[in-house]
Protein backbone atom coordinates (compact mmCIF):
# COMPACT_ATOMS: atom_id res chain seq x y z
CA UNK A 1 -13.83 -10.82 -8.97
CA UNK A 2 -10.91 -11.89 -6.78
CA UNK A 3 -8.16 -14.08 -8.21
CA UNK A 4 -8.47 -15.22 -11.80
CA UNK A 5 -6.07 -16.13 -14.58
CA UNK A 6 -8.75 -15.19 -17.11
CA UNK A 7 -8.00 -11.48 -16.75
CA UNK A 8 -5.14 -9.72 -18.49
CA UNK A 9 -2.07 -9.28 -16.31
CA UNK A 10 -1.56 -5.66 -17.35
CA UNK A 11 -5.16 -4.74 -16.62
CA UNK A 12 -4.97 -6.45 -13.24
CA UNK A 13 -1.85 -4.51 -12.36
CA UNK A 14 -3.51 -1.25 -13.44
CA UNK A 15 -6.63 -1.93 -11.36
CA UNK A 16 -4.52 -2.99 -8.37
CA UNK A 17 -2.41 0.18 -8.53
CA UNK A 18 -5.54 2.32 -8.78
CA UNK A 19 -7.07 0.44 -5.85
CA UNK A 20 -3.96 0.98 -3.73
CA UNK A 21 -4.05 4.67 -4.61
CA UNK A 22 -7.64 4.97 -3.38
CA UNK A 23 -6.79 3.13 -0.16
CA UNK A 24 -3.80 5.39 0.49
CA UNK A 25 -5.87 8.54 -0.08
CA UNK A 26 -8.61 7.20 2.22
CA UNK A 27 -6.08 6.33 4.92
CA UNK A 28 -4.43 9.74 4.70
CA UNK A 29 -7.81 11.45 4.98
CA UNK A 30 -8.87 9.52 8.06
CA UNK A 31 -5.61 8.95 9.92
CA UNK A 32 -4.03 12.38 9.73
């Protein structure tokens, strides 16, 4: 699931952005 040229670049970017969003929300919830 990590690292792979088989996946579409656009889809990877979308998933990564969504992942970052979840991490940020989690961090804000727990560290504020």
